[in-house]
Amino acid sequence: MSEQPNPDSKTADKFVVRLPKGMRKQIFETARYHRRSMNSEIVTRLEWTLSGESFPARHETQLPDPEPPEDPPHVDSLTDLELRLVTFFRQLPELKRRALVDMLT
């Protein structure tokens, strides 16, 4: 599933939702973790649900993004399998890459 650009707020469909107590804060924290707006977080989750794809099992909002290694390995030092994995990973849509990283961490 690929992220789509946000429609113009004047022409986008709007729908008011009443949230249970505490859910707004959960949505805010989750959206902040994924570095997107609350609206984008809600729309992304609805798209995922409506597409029939299984949603990643891990949705922790308090964990920081992992720090990259200080000295990343050079391409020359990667095995063929590692190169294939990197190539495959880069071809995944952003949401699936994030889900895979969340699953592995």
PDB file of N, CA and C in Angstrom:
ATOM      1  N   MET A   1       0.843  -1.156   0.000  1.00  0.00           N
ATOM      2  CA  MET A   1       0.000   0.000   0.000  1.00  0.00           C
ATOM      3  C   MET A   1       0.894   1.226   0.000  1.00  0.00           C
ATOM      4  N   SER A   2       0.621   2.171  -0.856  1.00  0.00           N
ATOM      5  CA  SER A   2       1.465   3.352  -0.927  1.00  0.00           C
ATOM      6  C   SER A   2       0.750   4.542  -0.323  1.00  0.00           C
ATOM      7  N   GLU A   3       1.535   5.427   0.268  1.00  0.00           N
ATOM      8  CA  GLU A   3       0.962   6.629   0.834  1.00  0.00           C
ATOM      9  C   GLU A   3       0.607   7.578  -0.299  1.00  0.00           C
ATOM     10  N   GLN A   4      -0.573   8.165  -0.209  1.00  0.00           N
ATOM     11  CA  GLN A   4      -1.026   9.085  -1.227  1.00  0.00           C
ATOM     12  C   GLN A   4      -0.917  10.504  -0.690  1.00  0.00           C
ATOM     13  N   PRO A   5      -0.729  11.491  -1.612  1.00  0.00           N
ATOM     14  CA  PRO A   5      -0.655  12.860  -1.145  1.00  0.00           C
ATOM     15  C   PRO A   5      -1.972  13.269  -0.494  1.00  0.00           C
ATOM     16  N   ASN A   6      -1.893  14.170   0.486  1.00  0.00           N
ATOM     17  CA  ASN A   6      -3.085  14.631   1.162  1.00  0.00           C
ATOM     18  C   ASN A   6      -3.939  15.452   0.210  1.00  0.00           C
ATOM     19  N   PRO A   7      -5.242  15.173   0.182  1.00  0.00           N
ATOM     20  CA  PRO A   7      -6.105  15.991  -0.664  1.00  0.00           C
ATOM     21  C   PRO A   7      -6.212  17.393  -0.076  1.00  0.00           C
ATOM     22  N   ASP A   8      -6.596  18.337  -0.901  1.00  0.00           N
ATOM     23  CA  ASP A   8      -6.785  19.702  -0.445  1.00  0.00           C
ATOM     24  C   ASP A   8      -7.848  19.697   0.647  1.00  0.00           C
ATOM     25  N   SER A   9      -7.586  20.347   1.770  1.00  0.00           N
ATOM     26  CA  SER A   9      -8.511  20.288   2.899  1.00  0.00           C
ATOM     27  C   SER A   9      -9.872  20.897   2.578  1.00  0.00           C
ATOM     28  N   LYS A  10      -9.944  21.750   1.574  1.00  0.00           N
ATOM     29  CA  LYS A  10     -11.228  22.358   1.208  1.00  0.00           C
ATOM     30  C   LYS A  10     -12.092  21.414   0.387  1.00  0.00           C
ATOM     31  N   THR A  11     -11.483  20.467  -0.331  1.00  0.00           N
ATOM     32  CA  THR A  11     -12.248  19.566  -1.193  1.00  0.00           C
ATOM     33  C   THR A  11     -12.328  18.142  -0.644  1.00  0.00           C
ATOM     34  N   ALA A  12     -11.576  17.835   0.396  1.00  0.00           N
ATOM     35  CA  ALA A  12     -11.573  16.484   0.959  1.00  0.00           C
ATOM     36  C   ALA A  12     -12.881  16.207   1.693  1.00  0.00           C
ATOM     37  N   ASP A  13     -13.310  14.942   1.650  1.00  0.00           N
ATOM     38  CA  ASP A  13     -14.478  14.544   2.443  1.00  0.00           C
ATOM     39  C   ASP A  13     -14.129  14.693   3.914  1.00  0.00           C
ATOM     40  N   LYS A  14     -15.111  15.141   4.690  1.00  0.00           N
ATOM     41  CA  LYS A  14     -14.891  15.307   6.130  1.00  0.00           C
ATOM     42  C   LYS A  14     -15.923  14.484   6.887  1.00  0.00           C
ATOM     43  N   PHE A  15     -15.501  13.970   8.049  1.00  0.00           N
ATOM     44  CA  PHE A  15     -16.377  13.154   8.867  1.00  0.00           C
ATOM     45  C   PHE A  15     -15.975  13.354  10.320  1.00  0.00           C
ATOM     46  N   VAL A  16     -16.920  13.764  11.142  1.00  0.00           N
ATOM     47  CA  VAL A  16     -16.639  13.983  12.561  1.00  0.00           C
ATOM     48  C   VAL A  16     -16.764  12.656  13.297  1.00  0.00           C
ATOM     49  N   VAL A  17     -15.779  12.355  14.130  1.00  0.00           N
ATOM     50  CA  VAL A  17     -15.780  11.106  14.888  1.00  0.00           C
ATOM     51  C   VAL A  17     -15.674  11.439  16.373  1.00  0.00           C
ATOM     52  N   ARG A  18     -16.496  10.799  17.182  1.00  0.00           N
ATOM     53  CA  ARG A  18     -16.397  10.943  18.627  1.00  0.00           C
ATOM     54  C   ARG A  18     -15.506   9.815  19.134  1.00  0.00           C
ATOM     55  N   LEU A  19     -14.414  10.189  19.788  1.00  0.00           N
ATOM     56  CA  LEU A  19     -13.441   9.200  20.255  1.00  0.00           C
ATOM     57  C   LEU A  19     -13.660   8.879  21.730  1.00  0.00           C
ATOM     58  N   PRO A  20     -13.438   7.636  22.110  1.00  0.00           N
ATOM     59  CA  PRO A  20     -13.485   7.299  23.541  1.00  0.00           C
ATOM     60  C   PRO A  20     -12.393   8.064  24.292  1.00  0.00           C
ATOM     61  N   LYS A  21     -12.640   8.280  25.561  1.00  0.00           N
ATOM     62  CA  LYS A  21     -11.688   9.007  26.400  1.00  0.00           C
ATOM     63  C   LYS A  21     -10.302   8.369  26.319  1.00  0.00           C
ATOM     64  N   GLY A  22      -9.290   9.188  26.068  1.00  0.00           N
ATOM     65  CA  GLY A  22      -7.906   8.730  26.011  1.00  0.00           C
ATOM     66  C   GLY A  22      -7.431   8.324  24.620  1.00  0.00           C
ATOM     67  N   MET A  23      -8.343   8.086  23.692  1.00  0.00           N
ATOM     68  CA  MET A  23      -7.927   7.641  22.362  1.00  0.00           C
ATOM     69  C   MET A  23      -7.232   8.745  21.576  1.00  0.00           C
ATOM     70  N   ARG A  24      -7.665   9.987  21.753  1.00  0.00           N
ATOM     71  CA  ARG A  24      -7.027  11.091  21.028  1.00  0.00           C
ATOM     72  C   ARG A  24      -5.535  11.158  21.365  1.00  0.00           C
ATOM     73  N   LYS A  25      -5.217  10.987  22.631  1.00  0.00           N
ATOM     74  CA  LYS A  25      -3.814  11.015  23.053  1.00  0.00           C
ATOM     75  C   LYS A  25      -3.044   9.844  22.430  1.00  0.00           C
ATOM     76  N   GLN A  26      -3.673   8.669  22.387  1.00  0.00           N
ATOM     77  CA  GLN A  26      -3.019   7.503  21.773  1.00  0.00           C
ATOM     78  C   GLN A  26      -2.741   7.757  20.291  1.00  0.00           C
ATOM     79  N   ILE A  27      -3.718   8.329  19.607  1.00  0.00           N
ATOM     80  CA  ILE A  27      -3.535   8.629  18.185  1.00  0.00           C
ATOM     81  C   ILE A  27      -2.425   9.658  18.011  1.00  0.00           C
ATOM     82  N   PHE A  28      -2.416  10.682  18.867  1.00  0.00           N
ATOM     83  CA  PHE A  28      -1.374  11.704  18.798  1.00  0.00           C
ATOM     84  C   PHE A  28       0.013  11.092  18.970  1.00  0.00           C
ATOM     85  N   GLU A  29       0.178  10.255  20.000  1.00  0.00           N
ATOM     86  CA  GLU A  29       1.485   9.640  20.275  1.00  0.00           C
ATOM     87  C   GLU A  29       1.916   8.713  19.135  1.00  0.00           C
ATOM     88  N   THR A  30       0.980   7.932  18.616  1.00  0.00           N
ATOM     89  CA  THR A  30       1.298   7.017  17.526  1.00  0.00           C
ATOM     90  C   THR A  30       1.673   7.798  16.266  1.00  0.00           C
ATOM     91  N   ALA A  31       0.918   8.842  15.968  1.00  0.00           N
ATOM     92  CA  ALA A  31       1.214   9.674  14.791  1.00  0.00           C
ATOM     93  C   ALA A  31       2.585  10.330  14.940  1.00  0.00           C
ATOM     94  N   ARG A  32       2.892  10.799  16.131  1.00  0.00           N
ATOM     95  CA  ARG A  32       4.199  11.426  16.366  1.00  0.00           C
ATOM     96  C   ARG A  32       5.328  10.411  16.150  1.00  0.00           C
ATOM     97  N   TYR A  33       5.130   9.188  16.634  1.00  0.00           N
ATOM     98  CA  TYR A  33       6.130   8.133  16.455  1.00  0.00           C
ATOM     99  C   TYR A  33       6.374   7.861  14.976  1.00  0.00           C
ATOM    100  N   HIS A  34       5.301   7.835  14.186  1.00  0.00           N
ATOM    101  CA  HIS A  34       5.422   7.552  12.758  1.00  0.00           C
ATOM    102  C   HIS A  34       5.720   8.797  11.927  1.00  0.00           C
ATOM    103  N   ARG A  35       5.870   9.919  12.602  1.00  0.00           N
ATOM    104  CA  ARG A  35       6.209  11.196  11.956  1.00  0.00           C
ATOM    105  C   ARG A  35       5.179  11.599  10.896  1.00  0.00           C
ATOM    106  N   ARG A  36       3.918  11.546  11.313  1.00  0.00           N
ATOM    107  CA  ARG A  36       2.861  12.023  10.426  1.00  0.00           C
ATOM    108  C   ARG A  36       1.781  12.684  11.273  1.00  0.00           C
ATOM    109  N   SER A  37       0.869  13.366  10.611  1.00  0.00           N
ATOM    110  CA  SER A  37      -0.219  14.034  11.313  1.00  0.00           C
ATOM    111  C   SER A  37      -1.192  13.002  11.869  1.00  0.00           C
ATOM    112  N   MET A  38      -2.017  13.447  12.806  1.00  0.00           N
ATOM    113  CA  MET A  38      -3.033  12.550  13.348  1.00  0.00           C
ATOM    114  C   MET A  38      -3.982  12.110  12.231  1.00  0.00           C
ATOM    115  N   ASN A  39      -4.356  13.028  11.363  1.00  0.00           N
ATOM    116  CA  ASN A  39      -5.237  12.695  10.261  1.00  0.00           C
ATOM    117  C   ASN A  39      -4.601  11.627   9.374  1.00  0.00           C
ATOM    118  N   SER A  40      -3.317  11.796   9.024  1.00  0.00           N
ATOM    119  CA  SER A  40      -2.626  10.815   8.189  1.00  0.00           C
ATOM    120  C   SER A  40      -2.538   9.460   8.881  1.00  0.00           C
ATOM    121  N   GLU A  41      -2.328   9.467  10.175  1.00  0.00           N
ATOM    122  CA  GLU A  41      -2.258   8.212  10.936  1.00  0.00           C
ATOM    123  C   GLU A  41      -3.600   7.481  10.862  1.00  0.00           C
ATOM    124  N   ILE A  42      -4.687   8.209  11.074  1.00  0.00           N
ATOM    125  CA  ILE A  42      -6.022   7.610  11.038  1.00  0.00           C
ATOM    126  C   ILE A  42      -6.335   7.090   9.635  1.00  0.00           C
ATOM    127  N   VAL A  43      -6.074   7.909   8.609  1.00  0.00           N
ATOM    128  CA  VAL A  43      -6.358   7.508   7.231  1.00  0.00           C
ATOM    129  C   VAL A  43      -5.523   6.292   6.841  1.00  0.00           C
ATOM    130  N   THR A  44      -4.239   6.270   7.216  1.00  0.00           N
ATOM    131  CA  THR A  44      -3.367   5.133   6.907  1.00  0.00           C
ATOM    132  C   THR A  44      -3.907   3.850   7.514  1.00  0.00           C
ATOM    133  N   ARG A  45      -4.331   3.916   8.774  1.00  0.00           N
ATOM    134  CA  ARG A  45      -4.850   2.720   9.438  1.00  0.00           C
ATOM    135  C   ARG A  45      -6.178   2.272   8.825  1.00  0.00           C
ATOM    136  N   LEU A  46      -7.014   3.221   8.448  1.00  0.00           N
ATOM    137  CA  LEU A  46      -8.264   2.851   7.787  1.00  0.00           C
ATOM    138  C   LEU A  46      -7.999   2.213   6.429  1.00  0.00           C
ATOM    139  N   GLU A  47      -7.066   2.793   5.660  1.00  0.00           N
ATOM    140  CA  GLU A  47      -6.720   2.211   4.359  1.00  0.00           C
ATOM    141  C   GLU A  47      -6.215   0.789   4.526  1.00  0.00           C
ATOM    142  N   TRP A  48      -5.358   0.589   5.521  1.00  0.00           N
ATOM    143  CA  TRP A  48      -4.791  -0.737   5.761  1.00  0.00           C
ATOM    144  C   TRP A  48      -5.893  -1.734   6.110  1.00  0.00           C
ATOM    145  N   THR A  49      -6.784  -1.322   6.993  1.00  0.00           N
ATOM    146  CA  THR A  49      -7.876  -2.195   7.397  1.00  0.00           C
ATOM    147  C   THR A  49      -8.787  -2.512   6.218  1.00  0.00           C
ATOM    148  N   LEU A  50      -9.151  -1.504   5.450  1.00  0.00           N
ATOM    149  CA  LEU A  50     -10.068  -1.706   4.331  1.00  0.00           C
ATOM    150  C   LEU A  50      -9.434  -2.481   3.180  1.00  0.00           C
ATOM    151  N   SER A  51      -8.104  -2.484   3.093  1.00  0.00           N
ATOM    152  CA  SER A  51      -7.424  -3.217   2.026  1.00  0.00           C
ATOM    153  C   SER A  51      -7.397  -4.717   2.292  1.00  0.00           C
ATOM    154  N   GLY A  52      -7.648  -5.104   3.531  1.00  0.00           N
ATOM    155  CA  GLY A  52      -7.626  -6.515   3.889  1.00  0.00           C
ATOM    156  C   GLY A  52      -6.251  -7.016   4.294  1.00  0.00           C
ATOM    157  N   GLU A  53      -5.224  -6.155   4.223  1.00  0.00           N
ATOM    158  CA  GLU A  53      -3.886  -6.560   4.652  1.00  0.00           C
ATOM    159  C   GLU A  53      -3.857  -6.641   6.171  1.00  0.00           C
ATOM    160  N   SER A  54      -3.020  -7.531   6.692  1.00  0.00           N
ATOM    161  CA  SER A  54      -2.898  -7.608   8.140  1.00  0.00           C
ATOM    162  C   SER A  54      -2.042  -6.445   8.621  1.00  0.00           C
ATOM    163  N   PHE A  55      -2.464  -5.851   9.699  1.00  0.00           N
ATOM    164  CA  PHE A  55      -1.759  -4.708  10.263  1.00  0.00           C
ATOM    165  C   PHE A  55      -0.584  -5.224  11.082  1.00  0.00           C
ATOM    166  N   PRO A  56       0.560  -4.547  11.038  1.00  0.00           N
ATOM    167  CA  PRO A  56       1.702  -5.011  11.835  1.00  0.00           C
ATOM    168  C   PRO A  56       1.308  -5.165  13.305  1.00  0.00           C
ATOM    169  N   ALA A  57       1.834  -6.189  13.933  1.00  0.00           N
ATOM    170  CA  ALA A  57       1.455  -6.503  15.307  1.00  0.00           C
ATOM    171  C   ALA A  57       2.008  -5.502  16.307  1.00  0.00           C
ATOM    172  N   ARG A  58       3.066  -4.826  15.989  1.00  0.00           N
ATOM    173  CA  ARG A  58       3.729  -3.979  16.966  1.00  0.00           C
ATOM    174  C   ARG A  58       3.452  -2.513  16.672  1.00  0.00           C
ATOM    175  N   HIS A  59       2.859  -1.814  17.620  1.00  0.00           N
ATOM    176  CA  HIS A  59       2.511  -0.406  17.443  1.00  0.00           C
ATOM    177  C   HIS A  59       2.993   0.414  18.625  1.00  0.00           C
ATOM    178  N   GLU A  60       4.156   0.152  19.139  1.00  0.00           N
ATOM    179  CA  GLU A  60       4.642   0.863  20.309  1.00  0.00           C
ATOM    180  C   GLU A  60       4.948   2.301  19.932  1.00  0.00           C
ATOM    181  N   THR A  61       4.528   3.227  20.788  1.00  0.00           N
ATOM    182  CA  THR A  61       4.699   4.645  20.476  1.00  0.00           C
ATOM    183  C   THR A  61       5.815   5.294  21.290  1.00  0.00           C
ATOM    184  N   GLN A  62       6.318   4.618  22.291  1.00  0.00           N
ATOM    185  CA  GLN A  62       7.303   5.244  23.169  1.00  0.00           C
ATOM    186  C   GLN A  62       8.749   4.976  22.761  1.00  0.00           C
ATOM    187  N   LEU A  63       8.960   4.057  21.835  1.00  0.00           N
ATOM    188  CA  LEU A  63      10.326   3.713  21.445  1.00  0.00           C
ATOM    189  C   LEU A  63      10.859   4.691  20.411  1.00  0.00           C
ATOM    190  N   PRO A  64      12.066   5.205  20.605  1.00  0.00           N
ATOM    191  CA  PRO A  64      12.652   6.068  19.572  1.00  0.00           C
ATOM    192  C   PRO A  64      13.077   5.236  18.369  1.00  0.00           C
ATOM    193  N   ASP A  65      13.221   5.894  17.234  1.00  0.00           N
ATOM    194  CA  ASP A  65      13.735   5.194  16.058  1.00  0.00           C
ATOM    195  C   ASP A  65      15.157   4.736  16.356  1.00  0.00           C
ATOM    196  N   PRO A  66      15.546   3.554  15.867  1.00  0.00           N
ATOM    197  CA  PRO A  66      16.910   3.086  16.133  1.00  0.00           C
ATOM    198  C   PRO A  66      17.934   4.016  15.493  1.00  0.00           C
ATOM    199  N   GLU A  67      19.022   4.193  16.198  1.00  0.00           N
ATOM    200  CA  GLU A  67      20.108   5.025  15.682  1.00  0.00           C
ATOM    201  C   GLU A  67      20.881   4.245  14.623  1.00  0.00           C
ATOM    202  N   PRO A  68      21.245   4.901  13.525  1.00  0.00           N
ATOM    203  CA  PRO A  68      22.060   4.204  12.533  1.00  0.00           C
ATOM    204  C   PRO A  68      23.444   3.927  13.104  1.00  0.00           C
ATOM    205  N   PRO A  69      24.116   2.883  12.622  1.00  0.00           N
ATOM    206  CA  PRO A  69      25.465   2.617  13.124  1.00  0.00           C
ATOM    207  C   PRO A  69      26.387   3.778  12.786  1.00  0.00           C
ATOM    208  N   GLU A  70      27.369   4.004  13.662  1.00  0.00           N
ATOM    209  CA  GLU A  70      28.295   5.121  13.438  1.00  0.00           C
ATOM    210  C   GLU A  70      29.062   4.959  12.135  1.00  0.00           C
ATOM    211  N   ASP A  71      29.463   3.732  11.829  1.00  0.00           N
ATOM    212  CA  ASP A  71      30.215   3.479  10.605  1.00  0.00           C
ATOM    213  C   ASP A  71      29.494   2.380   9.828  1.00  0.00           C
ATOM    214  N   PRO A  72      28.514   2.771   8.969  1.00  0.00           N
ATOM    215  CA  PRO A  72      27.765   1.732   8.254  1.00  0.00           C
ATOM    216  C   PRO A  72      28.675   0.915   7.352  1.00  0.00           C
ATOM    217  N   PRO A  73      28.324  -0.347   7.112  1.00  0.00           N
ATOM    218  CA  PRO A  73      29.169  -1.182   6.256  1.00  0.00           C
ATOM    219  C   PRO A  73      29.161  -0.662   4.821  1.00  0.00           C
ATOM    220  N   HIS A  74      30.278  -0.812   4.175  1.00  0.00           N
ATOM    221  CA  HIS A  74      30.371  -0.421   2.769  1.00  0.00           C
ATOM    222  C   HIS A  74      29.766  -1.516   1.914  1.00  0.00           C
ATOM    223  N   VAL A  75      29.252  -1.119   0.767  1.00  0.00           N
ATOM    224  CA  VAL A  75      28.613  -2.075  -0.128  1.00  0.00           C
ATOM    225  C   VAL A  75      29.560  -3.219  -0.453  1.00  0.00           C
ATOM    226  N   ASP A  76      30.831  -2.929  -0.562  1.00  0.00           N
ATOM    227  CA  ASP A  76      31.813  -3.957  -0.909  1.00  0.00           C
ATOM    228  C   ASP A  76      31.875  -5.075   0.141  1.00  0.00           C
ATOM    229  N   SER A  77      31.521  -4.743   1.388  1.00  0.00           N
ATOM    230  CA  SER A  77      31.643  -5.745   2.446  1.00  0.00           C
ATOM    231  C   SER A  77      30.371  -6.565   2.622  1.00  0.00           C
ATOM    232  N   LEU A  78      29.286  -6.249   1.884  1.00  0.00           N
ATOM    233  CA  LEU A  78      28.043  -6.998   2.008  1.00  0.00           C
ATOM    234  C   LEU A  78      28.098  -8.283   1.191  1.00  0.00           C
ATOM    235  N   THR A  79      27.461  -9.327   1.728  1.00  0.00           N
ATOM    236  CA  THR A  79      27.363 -10.585   0.988  1.00  0.00           C
ATOM    237  C   THR A  79      26.293 -10.444  -0.095  1.00  0.00           C
ATOM    238  N   ASP A  80      26.241 -11.409  -1.014  1.00  0.00           N
ATOM    239  CA  ASP A  80      25.208 -11.390  -2.053  1.00  0.00           C
ATOM    240  C   ASP A  80      23.808 -11.393  -1.443  1.00  0.00           C
ATOM    241  N   LEU A  81      23.622 -12.185  -0.406  1.00  0.00           N
ATOM    242  CA  LEU A  81      22.325 -12.256   0.255  1.00  0.00           C
ATOM    243  C   LEU A  81      21.955 -10.908   0.883  1.00  0.00           C
ATOM    244  N   GLU A  82      22.923 -10.265   1.522  1.00  0.00           N
ATOM    245  CA  GLU A  82      22.669  -8.956   2.123  1.00  0.00           C
ATOM    246  C   GLU A  82      22.320  -7.914   1.063  1.00  0.00           C
ATOM    247  N   LEU A  83      23.002  -7.951  -0.062  1.00  0.00           N
ATOM    248  CA  LEU A  83      22.700  -7.025  -1.153  1.00  0.00           C
ATOM    249  C   LEU A  83      21.295  -7.259  -1.700  1.00  0.00           C
ATOM    250  N   ARG A  84      20.903  -8.534  -1.840  1.00  0.00           N
ATOM    251  CA  ARG A  84      19.548  -8.849  -2.312  1.00  0.00           C
ATOM    252  C   ARG A  84      18.509  -8.344  -1.322  1.00  0.00           C
ATOM    253  N   LEU A  85      18.797  -8.501  -0.039  1.00  0.00           N
ATOM    254  CA  LEU A  85      17.882  -8.045   1.000  1.00  0.00           C
ATOM    255  C   LEU A  85      17.726  -6.524   0.964  1.00  0.00           C
ATOM    256  N   VAL A  86      18.819  -5.811   0.845  1.00  0.00           N
ATOM    257  CA  VAL A  86      18.772  -4.342   0.774  1.00  0.00           C
ATOM    258  C   VAL A  86      17.988  -3.899  -0.457  1.00  0.00           C
ATOM    259  N   THR A  87      18.234  -4.536  -1.594  1.00  0.00           N
ATOM    260  CA  THR A  87      17.529  -4.192  -2.827  1.00  0.00           C
ATOM    261  C   THR A  87      16.037  -4.432  -2.668  1.00  0.00           C
ATOM    262  N   PHE A  88      15.655  -5.577  -2.122  1.00  0.00           N
ATOM    263  CA  PHE A  88      14.245  -5.902  -1.896  1.00  0.00           C
ATOM    264  C   PHE A  88      13.606  -4.892  -0.943  1.00  0.00           C
ATOM    265  N   PHE A  89      14.300  -4.587   0.154  1.00  0.00           N
ATOM    266  CA  PHE A  89      13.791  -3.647   1.154  1.00  0.00           C
ATOM    267  C   PHE A  89      13.530  -2.280   0.537  1.00  0.00           C
ATOM    268  N   ARG A  90      14.429  -1.798  -0.275  1.00  0.00           N
ATOM    269  CA  ARG A  90      14.276  -0.477  -0.890  1.00  0.00           C
ATOM    270  C   ARG A  90      13.122  -0.423  -1.885  1.00  0.00           C
ATOM    271  N   GLN A  91      12.704  -1.564  -2.405  1.00  0.00           N
ATOM    272  CA  GLN A  91      11.595  -1.604  -3.359  1.00  0.00           C
ATOM    273  C   GLN A  91      10.237  -1.658  -2.666  1.00  0.00           C
ATOM    274  N   LEU A  92      10.212  -1.903  -1.360  1.00  0.00           N
ATOM    275  CA  LEU A  92       8.956  -1.963  -0.623  1.00  0.00           C
ATOM    276  C   LEU A  92       8.375  -0.564  -0.441  1.00  0.00           C
ATOM    277  N   PRO A  93       7.052  -0.453  -0.396  1.00  0.00           N
ATOM    278  CA  PRO A  93       6.437   0.834  -0.060  1.00  0.00           C
ATOM    279  C   PRO A  93       6.828   1.235   1.364  1.00  0.00           C
ATOM    280  N   GLU A  94       6.819   2.511   1.640  1.00  0.00           N
ATOM    281  CA  GLU A  94       7.253   3.040   2.939  1.00  0.00           C
ATOM    282  C   GLU A  94       6.541   2.368   4.113  1.00  0.00           C
ATOM    283  N   LEU A  95       5.247   2.174   4.023  1.00  0.00           N
ATOM    284  CA  LEU A  95       4.508   1.554   5.137  1.00  0.00           C
ATOM    285  C   LEU A  95       4.994   0.138   5.421  1.00  0.00           C
ATOM    286  N   LYS A  96       5.275  -0.609   4.374  1.00  0.00           N
ATOM    287  CA  LYS A  96       5.751  -1.981   4.570  1.00  0.00           C
ATOM    288  C   LYS A  96       7.175  -1.986   5.106  1.00  0.00           C
ATOM    289  N   ARG A  97       8.007  -1.022   4.684  1.00  0.00           N
ATOM    290  CA  ARG A  97       9.362  -0.941   5.251  1.00  0.00           C
ATOM    291  C   ARG A  97       9.294  -0.671   6.741  1.00  0.00           C
ATOM    292  N   ARG A  98       8.446   0.286   7.138  1.00  0.00           N
ATOM    293  CA  ARG A  98       8.312   0.609   8.571  1.00  0.00           C
ATOM    294  C   ARG A  98       7.798  -0.600   9.350  1.00  0.00           C
ATOM    295  N   ALA A  99       6.818  -1.297   8.778  1.00  0.00           N
ATOM    296  CA  ALA A  99       6.267  -2.476   9.451  1.00  0.00           C
ATOM    297  C   ALA A  99       7.340  -3.547   9.635  1.00  0.00           C
ATOM    298  N   LEU A 100       8.155  -3.748   8.605  1.00  0.00           N
ATOM    299  CA  LEU A 100       9.219  -4.745   8.685  1.00  0.00           C
ATOM    300  C   LEU A 100      10.247  -4.361   9.737  1.00  0.00           C
ATOM    301  N   VAL A 101      10.637  -3.114   9.768  1.00  0.00           N
ATOM    302  CA  VAL A 101      11.605  -2.650  10.768  1.00  0.00           C
ATOM    303  C   VAL A 101      11.008  -2.791  12.168  1.00  0.00           C
ATOM    304  N   ASP A 102       9.726  -2.411  12.336  1.00  0.00           N
ATOM    305  CA  ASP A 102       9.071  -2.566  13.650  1.00  0.00           C
ATOM    306  C   ASP A 102       9.068  -4.026  14.081  1.00  0.00           C
ATOM    307  N   MET A 103       8.794  -4.917  13.140  1.00  0.00           N
ATOM    308  CA  MET A 103       8.742  -6.341  13.454  1.00  0.00           C
ATOM    309  C   MET A 103      10.119  -6.861  13.871  1.00  0.00           C
ATOM    310  N   LEU A 104      11.161  -6.370  13.250  1.00  0.00           N
ATOM    311  CA  LEU A 104      12.516  -6.859  13.527  1.00  0.00           C
ATOM    312  C   LEU A 104      13.118  -6.276  14.800  1.00  0.00           C
ATOM    313  N   THR A 105      12.616  -5.143  15.242  1.00  0.00           N
ATOM    314  CA  THR A 105      13.190  -4.499  16.444  1.00  0.00           C
ATOM    315  C   THR A 105      12.436  -4.838  17.689  1.00  0.00           C
TER     316      THR A 105
END
